[in-house]
Amino acid sequence: MSRRAVLARLLVAAAALAAIALAVLRLEAAGAGIARAPLAVAGGTPATVFRLPGAGPAPVVVIAHGFAGSRQLMLPFALTLARAGYIAVTFDLEGHGRNPVPMSGDVTRIDGTTRLLMAEVGRVADAALALPGADGRLALLGHSMASDIVVRQALADPRVGAVVAVSMFSEAVTAEAPRNLLVIAGQWEAFLAGEALRALRLADPAAGPGATVGDPAAGTGRRAVIAPAVEHVGVLYSATALAEARAWLDAAFGRAPAQGPVAAIGGWVALLMAAVVALAWPLAALARGLRPAAAPPRLPRGRFLAAALLPAAAVPLGLGLFDTRFLPVLVADYLALHLLAYGAAALTLAGLWGGLRRPRGLAATLLLGLAVAAFGIGLWGGALHRYAVNFLPGPERAAVILAIAAGAVPFMLADAVLTEGGRAPLWRALAARGAFLASLGLAVALDFERLFFLLIILPLVLLFFLLFGTMGGWIGRASGRPAAAGLGLGLVLAWALGVTFPMFAG
């Protein structure tokens, strides 16, 4: 490596470490002075209380995450409301995060899973209202799936004095109920933005976004807000969404409007995640000493196209003939089989090229692959766990992660073959990864009722390709061992999916 290349990598490493330090400092500062403590909830629901030490009696706000989320995802609302003097409580819904109790019931019926999750919200509210300093007043805040849960729970629980529904879809909203309803949607989630306006216009057909209908002090308030330039997840970090939620609860509970900034920490979370990935570029140079004597040969165009495109149609059509349910997790069992069949088919059609045909230096490949997995799960995943979403599985998820890994590792090995460990032309990488995303879309179209939850993880897979696919390319080019990148990233993908999918007991 030339002196200029060494200098460039040292500069990138220094910049990445500086960005990591800055992001962590700002993220920790957002929660400075706010006490966090576990909350004991009947049934064992993991919950966390956020409050200002020494603050006087205050209303309780129970904050619920959406499908495939966790307590950490709602951190901006918890910090914002706690600093405004509320007792904010976040928790992991059944089947999510660190909650050991799986979801259950019929997910298609209101009197099934929905009722069970409503009961869990009620148990968290009971525990929170029993805290010293709770003044007996209660508000509920929910995102996405939980927006319907909190709306319905507010209709059933007369203690609820206000509701904040973020990215809401709920058929339970009427012209008068629930009391003091604020609906927030992101500008880039058009359907849910329309739902927010529909809920507002049930109370006043002439009202527009940003208008307040009724009187929050009398319990009749309703408002719809469209947060600019954000989508379904970004709305949780939107300064507009956070400020509107705080102001709405202040109005509903007759409190003086809170002053000061909100915990709009999304930019710092993004910087932290990007900086950790960027750090992989200079670190990848350490693998140059593992390079084999010759690079694997390039796949002929015809063989590449067959390996990249044929599995995209064949796998969902073939798996549609079988019952693929064998794990206690929603659709993760199907995805594990899809990944396994896709990877096996692609490797077979590729003729096991790219270093897999005649493995050499197997120990070096395994060592590097495990190092990649440790970096992705330990460093990147650890940062994600503290500031964004749960990444630490409970023991009940071990079998799920192993089952997904049995499919994810062959799939990522195939991806490494088709992209030549980052050496392939860009069109080949786009074709191979685009075909896989299209394959998942076809699977959903063939069995929408059972597999529609796969649509939720499509953005996760795309983000994985963008971040970790880039990182895998750095490692593959530096080491000349595509299989090492495939192995490591397969383990990271299995871990990420295994901690994300909700556990479910049918």
Protein backbone atom coordinates (compact mmCIF):
# COMPACT_ATOMS: atom_id res chain seq x y z
CA MET A 1 0.00 0.00 0.00
CA SER A 2 1.37 3.42 -0.94
CA ARG A 3 2.14 6.10 1.61
CA ARG A 4 -0.72 8.20 0.24
CA ALA A 5 -3.19 5.32 0.69
CA VAL A 6 -1.99 4.74 4.26
CA LEU A 7 -2.41 8.44 5.03
CA ALA A 8 -5.93 8.46 3.56
CA ARG A 9 -6.99 5.53 5.72
CA LEU A 10 -5.48 7.11 8.83
CA LEU A 11 -7.38 10.34 8.13
CA VAL A 12 -10.65 8.45 7.63
CA ALA A 13 -10.08 6.51 10.84
CA ALA A 14 -9.42 9.72 12.77
CA ALA A 15 -12.50 11.40 11.29
CA ALA A 16 -14.69 8.36 12.03
CA LEU A 17 -13.51 8.17 15.63
CA ALA A 18 -14.05 11.91 16.09
CA ALA A 19 -17.58 11.61 14.65
CA ILE A 20 -18.34 8.67 16.94
CA ALA A 21 -17.14 10.61 19.97
CA LEU A 22 -19.12 13.71 19.01
CA ALA A 23 -22.31 11.73 18.36
CA VAL A 24 -22.05 9.84 21.64
CA LEU A 25 -21.45 13.06 23.57
CA ARG A 26 -24.49 14.73 22.03
CA LEU A 27 -26.70 11.68 22.51
CA GLU A 28 -25.70 11.35 26.15
CA ALA A 29 -26.21 15.10 26.65
CA ALA A 30 -29.80 14.74 25.39
CA GLY A 31 -30.57 12.57 28.40
CA ALA A 32 -28.40 14.38 30.94
CA GLY A 33 -30.19 15.12 34.20
CA ILE A 34 -33.06 12.72 33.47
CA ALA A 35 -33.32 9.77 35.83
CA ARG A 36 -34.05 6.34 34.33
CA ALA A 37 -35.28 3.43 36.39
CA PRO A 38 -36.89 0.06 35.70
CA LEU A 39 -40.61 -0.27 36.38
CA ALA A 40 -42.06 -3.49 37.78
CA VAL A 41 -45.13 -4.41 35.73
CA ALA A 42 -47.51 -7.30 36.35
CA GLY A 43 -46.83 -10.04 33.82
CA GLY A 44 -43.13 -9.19 33.56
CA THR A 45 -43.31 -6.52 30.84
CA PRO A 46 -39.89 -4.77 30.66
CA ALA A 47 -40.45 -1.04 31.23
CA THR A 48 -38.36 2.07 31.93
CA VAL A 49 -39.37 5.25 33.77
CA PHE A 50 -37.95 8.62 32.69
CA ARG A 51 -38.39 11.62 34.98
CA LEU A 52 -36.65 14.70 36.36
CA PRO A 53 -35.31 14.05 39.87
CA GLY A 54 -37.07 16.10 42.52
CA ALA A 55 -39.92 17.17 40.24
CA GLY A 56 -43.33 17.61 41.80
CA PRO A 57 -46.46 15.57 41.10
CA ALA A 58 -46.99 15.09 37.37
CA PRO A 59 -49.12 13.25 34.81
CA VAL A 60 -47.96 9.89 33.48
CA VAL A 61 -47.40 9.31 29.76
CA VAL A 62 -47.22 5.65 28.68
CA ILE A 63 -45.34 5.38 25.39
CA ALA A 64 -45.79 2.35 23.10
CA HIS A 65 -43.65 1.41 20.07
CA GLY A 66 -44.84 -0.07 16.79
CA PHE A 67 -44.51 -3.47 15.15
CA ALA A 68 -40.94 -4.86 15.24
CA GLY A 69 -39.85 -1.94 17.44
CA SER A 70 -38.73 -1.66 21.06
CA ARG A 71 -38.43 0.83 23.93
CA GLN A 72 -35.31 2.42 22.49
CA LEU A 73 -37.15 3.51 19.35
CA MET A 74 -39.37 5.81 21.44
CA LEU A 75 -36.46 7.44 23.28
CA PRO A 76 -36.92 10.91 21.69
CA PHE A 77 -40.48 11.18 23.04
CA ALA A 78 -39.48 9.82 26.46
CA LEU A 79 -36.64 12.32 26.86
CA THR A 80 -38.67 15.26 25.54
CA LEU A 81 -41.64 14.61 27.82
CA ALA A 82 -39.54 13.77 30.89
CA ARG A 83 -37.63 17.03 30.53
CA ALA A 84 -40.97 18.83 30.31
CA GLY A 85 -41.86 17.45 33.74
CA TYR A 86 -43.92 14.39 32.85
CA ILE A 87 -43.37 10.87 34.13
CA ALA A 88 -42.65 9.10 30.83
CA VAL A 89 -42.73 5.30 30.64
CA THR A 90 -41.52 3.20 27.71
CA PHE A 91 -41.88 -0.57 27.49
CA ASP A 92 -41.41 -3.55 25.19
CA LEU A 93 -44.70 -4.96 23.94
CA GLU A 94 -45.22 -8.72 24.10
CA GLY A 95 -43.03 -10.47 21.54
CA HIS A 96 -40.79 -7.42 21.08
CA GLY A 97 -37.43 -6.26 22.37
CA ARG A 98 -36.53 -7.88 25.69
CA ASN A 99 -40.07 -9.00 26.51
CA PRO A 100 -39.90 -12.80 27.03
CA VAL A 101 -43.66 -13.22 26.58
CA PRO A 102 -44.56 -13.83 22.92
CA MET A 103 -47.42 -12.18 21.10
CA SER A 104 -50.44 -14.43 20.85
CA GLY A 105 -54.01 -14.48 19.65
CA ASP A 106 -55.38 -13.85 16.19
CA VAL A 107 -53.56 -10.91 14.60
CA THR A 108 -56.45 -10.36 12.17
CA ARG A 109 -59.12 -9.85 14.86
CA ILE A 110 -59.71 -6.97 17.26
CA ASP A 111 -60.68 -9.44 19.98
CA GLY A 112 -57.46 -11.39 19.39
CA THR A 113 -53.94 -9.95 19.57
CA THR A 114 -55.20 -6.37 19.80
CA ARG A 115 -57.10 -7.03 23.04
CA LEU A 116 -54.08 -8.73 24.58
CA LEU A 117 -51.82 -5.79 23.74
CA MET A 118 -54.43 -3.36 25.10
CA ALA A 119 -54.40 -5.28 28.36
CA GLU A 120 -50.62 -4.96 28.48
CA VAL A 121 -50.83 -1.19 28.01
CA GLY A 122 -53.32 -1.15 30.86
CA ARG A 123 -50.95 -3.08 33.15
CA VAL A 124 -48.10 -0.68 32.36
CA ALA A 125 -50.43 2.26 33.10
CA ASP A 126 -51.46 0.71 36.42
CA ALA A 127 -47.83 0.33 37.49
CA ALA A 128 -46.90 3.83 36.35
CA LEU A 129 -49.83 5.50 38.09
CA ALA A 130 -48.79 3.78 41.33
CA LEU A 131 -45.36 5.49 41.23
CA PRO A 132 -44.59 8.15 43.85
CA GLY A 133 -45.16 11.52 42.24
CA ALA A 134 -47.79 10.36 39.75
CA ASP A 135 -50.75 12.74 40.14
CA GLY A 136 -53.40 10.35 38.77
CA ARG A 137 -53.61 11.84 35.28
CA LEU A 138 -52.74 9.63 32.31
CA ALA A 139 -51.91 10.04 28.63
CA LEU A 140 -51.08 7.39 26.04
CA LEU A 141 -48.71 7.79 23.09
CA GLY A 142 -48.32 5.12 20.40
CA HIS A 143 -46.60 4.72 17.06
CA SER A 144 -47.80 2.76 14.02
CA MET A 145 -49.33 -0.54 15.21
CA ALA A 146 -49.46 0.83 18.75
CA SER A 147 -51.42 3.89 17.63
CA ASP A 148 -54.50 1.70 17.21
CA ILE A 149 -53.73 -0.04 20.52
CA VAL A 150 -53.58 3.23 22.50
CA VAL A 151 -56.67 4.65 20.79
CA ARG A 152 -58.71 1.59 21.71
CA GLN A 153 -57.28 1.48 25.23
CA ALA A 154 -58.19 5.15 25.70
CA LEU A 155 -61.78 4.32 24.74
CA ALA A 156 -61.82 1.53 27.33
CA ASP A 157 -59.97 3.32 30.18
CA PRO A 158 -61.66 6.45 31.59
CA ARG A 159 -58.38 7.47 33.27
CA VAL A 160 -56.87 8.44 29.88
CA GLY A 161 -57.09 12.18 29.42
CA ALA A 162 -55.13 12.57 26.17
CA VAL A 163 -53.84 10.47 23.28
CA VAL A 164 -50.97 11.11 20.87
CA ALA A 165 -51.18 8.75 17.88
CA VAL A 166 -48.12 8.81 15.60
CA SER A 167 -48.42 7.32 12.09
CA MET A 168 -51.94 6.27 13.04
CA PHE A 169 -54.33 3.89 11.36
CA SER A 170 -57.33 3.09 13.55
CA GLU A 171 -60.94 2.40 12.70
CA ALA A 172 -61.89 3.02 16.33
CA VAL A 173 -61.67 6.84 16.12
CA THR A 174 -65.04 8.60 16.10
CA ALA A 175 -66.09 12.25 15.95
CA GLU A 176 -65.96 12.53 19.75
CA ALA A 177 -63.55 9.85 20.92
CA PRO A 178 -60.95 9.35 22.14
CA ARG A 179 -60.61 12.45 24.28
CA ASN A 180 -58.00 15.02 23.27
CA LEU A 181 -56.60 13.20 20.25
CA LEU A 182 -53.46 14.47 18.49
CA VAL A 183 -52.60 12.61 15.28
CA ILE A 184 -49.10 13.05 13.82
CA ALA A 185 -47.94 11.66 10.47
CA GLY A 186 -44.85 12.14 8.36
CA GLN A 187 -45.07 14.04 5.10
CA TRP A 188 -43.54 11.08 3.25
CA GLU A 189 -46.08 8.52 4.51
CA ALA A 190 -48.88 9.77 2.29
CA PHE A 191 -51.53 7.21 3.21
CA LEU A 192 -51.14 7.79 6.95
CA ALA A 193 -51.03 11.55 6.45
CA GLY A 194 -54.42 11.15 4.78
CA GLU A 195 -55.62 9.11 7.75
CA ALA A 196 -54.56 11.88 10.12
CA LEU A 197 -56.68 14.40 8.21
CA ARG A 198 -59.59 11.94 8.05
CA ALA A 199 -59.56 11.59 11.84
CA LEU A 200 -59.49 15.38 12.22
CA ARG A 201 -62.37 15.90 9.79
CA LEU A 202 -64.55 13.43 11.64
CA ALA A 203 -64.75 16.20 14.26
CA ASP A 204 -64.83 19.11 11.79
CA PRO A 205 -65.14 18.43 8.02
CA ALA A 206 -63.69 21.87 7.23
CA ALA A 207 -60.55 21.54 9.38
CA GLY A 208 -57.11 21.36 7.84
CA PRO A 209 -53.68 20.23 9.05
CA GLY A 210 -52.42 22.27 11.97
CA ALA A 211 -55.90 23.33 13.07
CA THR A 212 -57.17 22.51 16.55
CA VAL A 213 -60.79 21.46 16.81
CA GLY A 214 -62.58 21.59 20.15
CA ASP A 215 -61.04 22.51 23.49
CA PRO A 216 -58.24 20.39 25.00
CA ALA A 217 -58.99 21.83 28.45
CA ALA A 218 -62.51 20.42 28.18
CA GLY A 219 -61.37 17.06 26.81
CA THR A 220 -62.80 17.68 23.33
CA GLY A 221 -59.60 18.69 21.53
CA ARG A 222 -58.45 17.19 18.26
CA ARG A 223 -55.56 18.12 16.02
CA ALA A 224 -53.70 16.65 13.03
CA VAL A 225 -50.09 17.54 12.25
CA ILE A 226 -48.01 16.59 9.21
CA ALA A 227 -44.33 16.55 10.14
CA PRO A 228 -42.29 17.81 7.17
CA ALA A 229 -39.76 15.71 5.22
CA VAL A 230 -39.97 12.50 7.29
CA GLU A 231 -41.31 8.97 6.79
CA HIS A 232 -42.56 6.19 9.03
CA VAL A 233 -39.48 5.97 11.26
CA GLY A 234 -38.12 9.48 10.77
CA VAL A 235 -41.32 10.92 12.24
CA LEU A 236 -40.19 9.61 15.65
CA TYR A 237 -37.14 11.90 15.48
CA SER A 238 -38.92 14.90 13.97
CA ALA A 239 -38.59 18.11 15.98
CA THR A 240 -42.08 19.03 14.78
CA ALA A 241 -43.58 15.77 16.06
CA LEU A 242 -41.83 16.03 19.42
CA ALA A 243 -42.75 19.68 19.99
CA GLU A 244 -46.38 19.09 18.97
CA ALA A 245 -46.74 16.12 21.33
CA ARG A 246 -45.32 18.12 24.22
CA ALA A 247 -47.50 21.16 23.52
CA TRP A 248 -50.62 18.99 23.14
CA LEU A 249 -50.17 17.30 26.49
CA ASP A 250 -49.46 20.63 28.16
CA ALA A 251 -52.74 21.98 26.78
CA ALA A 252 -54.72 18.86 27.67
CA PHE A 253 -53.48 18.84 31.27
CA GLY A 254 -53.60 22.62 31.78
CA ARG A 255 -49.85 22.93 32.28
CA ALA A 256 -47.74 25.93 31.36
CA PRO A 257 -46.23 25.42 27.89
CA ALA A 258 -42.81 23.80 28.21
CA GLN A 259 -39.84 25.74 26.93
CA GLY A 260 -36.51 24.57 25.57
CA PRO A 261 -35.41 22.23 22.78
CA VAL A 262 -36.87 18.79 22.17
CA ALA A 263 -34.77 15.62 21.95
CA ALA A 264 -34.53 15.53 18.15
CA ILE A 265 -31.59 13.11 18.24
CA GLY A 266 -32.11 11.44 14.86
CA GLY A 267 -29.23 13.24 13.17
CA TRP A 268 -26.79 12.17 15.88
CA VAL A 269 -27.99 8.57 15.72
CA ALA A 270 -27.48 8.59 11.94
CA LEU A 271 -24.02 10.12 12.32
CA LEU A 272 -23.02 7.50 14.88
CA MET A 273 -24.19 4.59 12.71
CA ALA A 274 -22.53 6.00 9.58
CA ALA A 275 -19.27 6.72 11.42
CA VAL A 276 -19.05 3.16 12.74
CA VAL A 277 -19.52 1.82 9.21
CA ALA A 278 -16.94 4.29 7.87
CA LEU A 279 -14.45 3.02 10.44
CA ALA A 280 -14.59 -0.36 8.69
CA TRP A 281 -12.78 1.09 5.62
CA PRO A 282 -9.42 1.77 7.30
CA LEU A 283 -9.79 -1.37 9.41
CA ALA A 284 -10.32 -3.45 6.27
CA ALA A 285 -6.74 -2.66 5.25
CA LEU A 286 -5.57 -4.93 8.06
CA ALA A 287 -6.90 -7.88 6.05
CA ARG A 288 -4.55 -7.23 3.12
CA GLY A 289 -2.07 -9.67 4.58
CA LEU A 290 -4.62 -12.46 4.10
CA ARG A 291 -4.89 -12.01 0.33
CA PRO A 292 -4.54 -15.23 -1.69
CA ALA A 293 -2.04 -15.40 -4.55
CA ALA A 294 -4.73 -14.94 -7.23
CA ALA A 295 -8.16 -13.35 -7.24
CA PRO A 296 -11.14 -15.60 -8.05
CA PRO A 297 -12.13 -15.52 -11.74
CA ARG A 298 -15.09 -13.41 -12.88
CA LEU A 299 -18.34 -15.20 -13.63
CA PRO A 300 -19.24 -15.19 -17.33
CA ARG A 301 -22.16 -12.87 -18.05
CA GLY A 302 -24.61 -15.67 -18.84
CA ARG A 303 -23.79 -17.63 -15.71
CA PHE A 304 -24.05 -14.48 -13.61
CA LEU A 305 -27.48 -13.58 -15.01
CA ALA A 306 -28.75 -17.10 -14.42
CA ALA A 307 -27.49 -17.14 -10.83
CA ALA A 308 -28.76 -13.63 -10.08
CA LEU A 309 -32.19 -13.76 -11.73
CA LEU A 310 -33.54 -17.30 -11.87
CA PRO A 311 -33.80 -17.81 -8.08
CA ALA A 312 -35.81 -14.59 -7.80
CA ALA A 313 -38.82 -16.27 -9.42
CA ALA A 314 -38.14 -19.93 -8.67
CA VAL A 315 -37.77 -19.65 -4.88
CA PRO A 316 -41.07 -17.89 -4.02
CA LEU A 317 -42.95 -20.11 -6.50
CA GLY A 318 -41.38 -23.25 -5.05
CA LEU A 319 -41.80 -22.34 -1.38
CA GLY A 320 -45.42 -21.44 -2.01
CA LEU A 321 -46.12 -25.17 -2.37
CA PHE A 322 -45.11 -25.94 1.24
CA ASP A 323 -46.09 -25.05 4.78
CA THR A 324 -43.04 -23.13 5.95
CA ARG A 325 -44.13 -22.42 9.53
CA PHE A 326 -41.74 -23.95 12.03
CA LEU A 327 -40.52 -21.06 14.23
CA PRO A 328 -42.37 -19.13 16.98
CA VAL A 329 -41.76 -15.87 15.13
CA LEU A 330 -43.95 -14.09 12.59
CA VAL A 331 -42.73 -14.90 9.01
CA ALA A 332 -39.09 -15.36 10.10
CA ASP A 333 -39.37 -19.08 9.36
CA TYR A 334 -40.41 -18.36 5.79
CA LEU A 335 -37.61 -15.81 5.41
CA ALA A 336 -35.00 -18.28 6.71
CA LEU A 337 -36.09 -20.84 4.10
CA HIS A 338 -36.24 -18.19 1.38
CA LEU A 339 -32.68 -17.10 2.16
CA LEU A 340 -31.44 -20.71 2.27
CA ALA A 341 -33.10 -21.74 -1.00
CA TYR A 342 -32.06 -18.50 -2.72
CA GLY A 343 -28.45 -18.79 -1.63
CA ALA A 344 -28.19 -22.50 -2.50
CA ALA A 345 -29.73 -21.94 -5.94
CA ALA A 346 -27.51 -18.96 -6.71
CA LEU A 347 -24.34 -20.77 -5.62
CA THR A 348 -25.29 -23.82 -7.67
CA LEU A 349 -26.05 -21.80 -10.79
CA ALA A 350 -22.83 -19.84 -10.30
CA GLY A 351 -20.86 -23.09 -10.23
CA LEU A 352 -19.47 -22.33 -6.74
CA TRP A 353 -17.11 -19.71 -8.13
CA GLY A 354 -15.53 -16.82 -6.24
CA GLY A 355 -13.28 -18.69 -3.84
CA LEU A 356 -15.92 -21.17 -2.74
CA ARG A 357 -15.17 -23.65 -5.49
CA ARG A 358 -11.73 -24.52 -4.14
CA PRO A 359 -11.46 -23.09 -0.64
CA ARG A 360 -7.92 -22.16 0.33
CA GLY A 361 -6.79 -20.70 3.60
CA LEU A 362 -10.00 -21.81 5.27
CA ALA A 363 -8.78 -20.83 8.74
CA ALA A 364 -7.97 -17.29 7.58
CA THR A 365 -11.38 -16.99 5.90
CA LEU A 366 -13.20 -18.14 9.03
CA LEU A 367 -11.18 -15.85 11.29
CA LEU A 368 -11.82 -12.82 9.11
CA GLY A 369 -15.51 -13.68 8.78
CA LEU A 370 -15.89 -13.90 12.55
CA ALA A 371 -14.08 -10.58 12.94
CA VAL A 372 -16.55 -8.99 10.52
CA ALA A 373 -19.46 -10.46 12.51
CA ALA A 374 -18.00 -9.19 15.79
CA PHE A 375 -17.61 -5.69 14.35
CA GLY A 376 -21.17 -5.60 13.00
CA ILE A 377 -22.88 -7.18 16.01
CA GLY A 378 -20.68 -5.82 18.77
CA LEU A 379 -19.72 -2.27 17.78
CA TRP A 380 -22.42 -1.25 15.30
CA GLY A 381 -25.14 -3.27 17.00
CA GLY A 382 -24.10 -2.09 20.46
CA ALA A 383 -24.44 1.55 19.44
CA LEU A 384 -27.79 0.81 17.82
CA HIS A 385 -29.00 -0.94 20.98
CA ARG A 386 -28.25 1.99 23.27
CA TYR A 387 -29.68 4.77 21.14
CA ALA A 388 -32.14 3.43 18.56
CA VAL A 389 -33.59 -0.09 18.81
CA ASN A 390 -33.09 -3.30 20.77
CA PHE A 391 -30.17 -5.40 19.45
CA LEU A 392 -29.63 -7.67 22.46
CA PRO A 393 -31.67 -10.88 22.17
CA GLY A 394 -33.14 -12.77 25.08
CA PRO A 395 -32.41 -16.49 25.41
CA GLU A 396 -35.73 -17.32 23.76
CA ARG A 397 -34.41 -15.90 20.49
CA ALA A 398 -31.25 -18.04 20.26
CA ALA A 399 -32.95 -20.76 18.22
CA VAL A 400 -34.49 -18.14 15.93
CA ILE A 401 -31.12 -16.52 15.20
CA LEU A 402 -29.51 -19.89 14.50
CA ALA A 403 -32.34 -20.88 12.14
CA ILE A 404 -32.09 -17.60 10.24
CA ALA A 405 -28.30 -17.92 10.13
CA ALA A 406 -28.70 -21.30 8.39
CA GLY A 407 -30.28 -19.37 5.53
CA ALA A 408 -28.59 -15.98 5.82
CA VAL A 409 -25.02 -17.32 5.63
CA PRO A 410 -25.54 -19.23 2.32
CA PHE A 411 -27.41 -16.23 0.94
CA MET A 412 -24.65 -13.78 1.80
CA LEU A 413 -22.03 -16.22 0.47
CA ALA A 414 -23.95 -16.20 -2.80
CA ASP A 415 -24.09 -12.40 -2.69
CA ALA A 416 -20.31 -12.33 -2.19
CA VAL A 417 -19.87 -14.62 -5.21
CA LEU A 418 -22.12 -12.54 -7.46
CA THR A 419 -20.57 -9.23 -6.42
CA GLU A 420 -17.05 -10.73 -6.38
CA GLY A 421 -16.42 -9.38 -2.92
CA GLY A 422 -16.90 -5.80 -4.13
CA ARG A 423 -14.89 -6.16 -7.37
CA ALA A 424 -17.85 -6.69 -9.71
CA PRO A 425 -19.20 -3.86 -11.87
CA LEU A 426 -21.93 -1.80 -10.20
CA TRP A 427 -24.63 -3.13 -12.52
CA ARG A 428 -23.98 -6.67 -11.30
CA ALA A 429 -24.35 -5.66 -7.64
CA LEU A 430 -27.57 -3.77 -8.41
CA ALA A 431 -28.96 -6.67 -10.44
CA ALA A 432 -28.16 -9.30 -7.80
CA ARG A 433 -29.54 -7.37 -4.85
CA GLY A 434 -32.47 -5.87 -6.71
CA ALA A 435 -33.52 -9.36 -7.82
CA PHE A 436 -33.57 -10.55 -4.22
CA LEU A 437 -35.75 -7.64 -3.07
CA ALA A 438 -38.08 -8.33 -6.00
CA SER A 439 -38.17 -11.98 -4.96
CA LEU A 440 -39.41 -11.05 -1.48
CA GLY A 441 -42.00 -8.79 -3.06
CA LEU A 442 -43.20 -11.65 -5.26
CA ALA A 443 -43.47 -13.93 -2.21
CA VAL A 444 -45.71 -11.37 -0.49
CA ALA A 445 -47.86 -11.00 -3.61
CA LEU A 446 -48.35 -14.77 -3.82
CA ASP A 447 -49.46 -15.08 -0.16
CA PHE A 448 -50.27 -11.59 1.09
CA GLU A 449 -52.37 -12.65 4.07
CA ARG A 450 -49.59 -14.69 5.64
CA LEU A 451 -46.46 -12.86 4.45
CA PHE A 452 -47.45 -9.20 4.40
CA PHE A 453 -45.24 -8.59 7.47
CA LEU A 454 -42.27 -9.18 5.14
CA LEU A 455 -43.00 -5.76 3.65
CA ILE A 456 -41.92 -4.21 6.94
CA ILE A 457 -38.43 -5.71 6.75
CA LEU A 458 -37.82 -4.79 3.10
CA PRO A 459 -36.43 -1.34 4.11
CA LEU A 460 -34.25 -3.12 6.70
CA VAL A 461 -32.80 -5.42 4.01
CA LEU A 462 -32.24 -2.46 1.69
CA LEU A 463 -30.45 -0.55 4.47
CA PHE A 464 -28.37 -3.64 5.18
CA PHE A 465 -27.26 -3.81 1.53
CA LEU A 466 -26.40 -0.10 1.50
CA LEU A 467 -24.38 -0.11 4.74
CA PHE A 468 -23.05 -3.61 5.20
CA GLY A 469 -22.89 -4.39 1.50
CA THR A 470 -20.54 -1.45 1.13
CA MET A 471 -18.53 -2.62 4.12
CA GLY A 472 -18.37 -6.14 2.70
CA GLY A 473 -16.98 -4.72 -0.52
CA TRP A 474 -14.17 -3.00 1.36
CA ILE A 475 -13.30 -6.23 3.15
CA GLY A 476 -13.58 -8.37 0.03
CA ARG A 477 -11.34 -6.10 -2.05
CA ALA A 478 -8.76 -5.72 0.71
CA SER A 479 -8.59 -9.41 1.64
CA GLY A 480 -9.36 -11.02 -1.71
CA ARG A 481 -11.63 -13.41 0.23
CA PRO A 482 -15.30 -12.83 -0.70
CA ALA A 483 -16.32 -15.81 1.42
CA ALA A 484 -15.07 -14.07 4.58
CA ALA A 485 -17.32 -11.07 3.93
CA GLY A 486 -20.21 -13.38 3.08
CA LEU A 487 -19.81 -15.39 6.26
CA GLY A 488 -19.49 -12.38 8.54
CA LEU A 489 -22.34 -10.41 7.00
CA GLY A 490 -24.55 -13.49 6.96
CA LEU A 491 -24.16 -13.76 10.73
CA VAL A 492 -24.87 -10.03 11.16
CA LEU A 493 -27.99 -10.27 8.99
CA ALA A 494 -29.26 -13.29 10.94
CA TRP A 495 -28.71 -11.50 14.23
CA ALA A 496 -30.43 -8.32 13.04
CA LEU A 497 -33.48 -10.18 11.74
CA GLY A 498 -33.59 -12.50 14.74
CA VAL A 499 -33.84 -9.62 17.23
CA THR A 500 -36.31 -7.66 15.08
CA PHE A 501 -39.11 -10.10 14.26
CA PRO A 502 -41.75 -10.36 17.01
CA MET A 503 -41.96 -13.67 18.84
CA PHE A 504 -45.38 -15.21 18.37
CA ALA A 505 -47.21 -18.10 19.97
CA GLY A 506 -50.01 -19.05 17.62
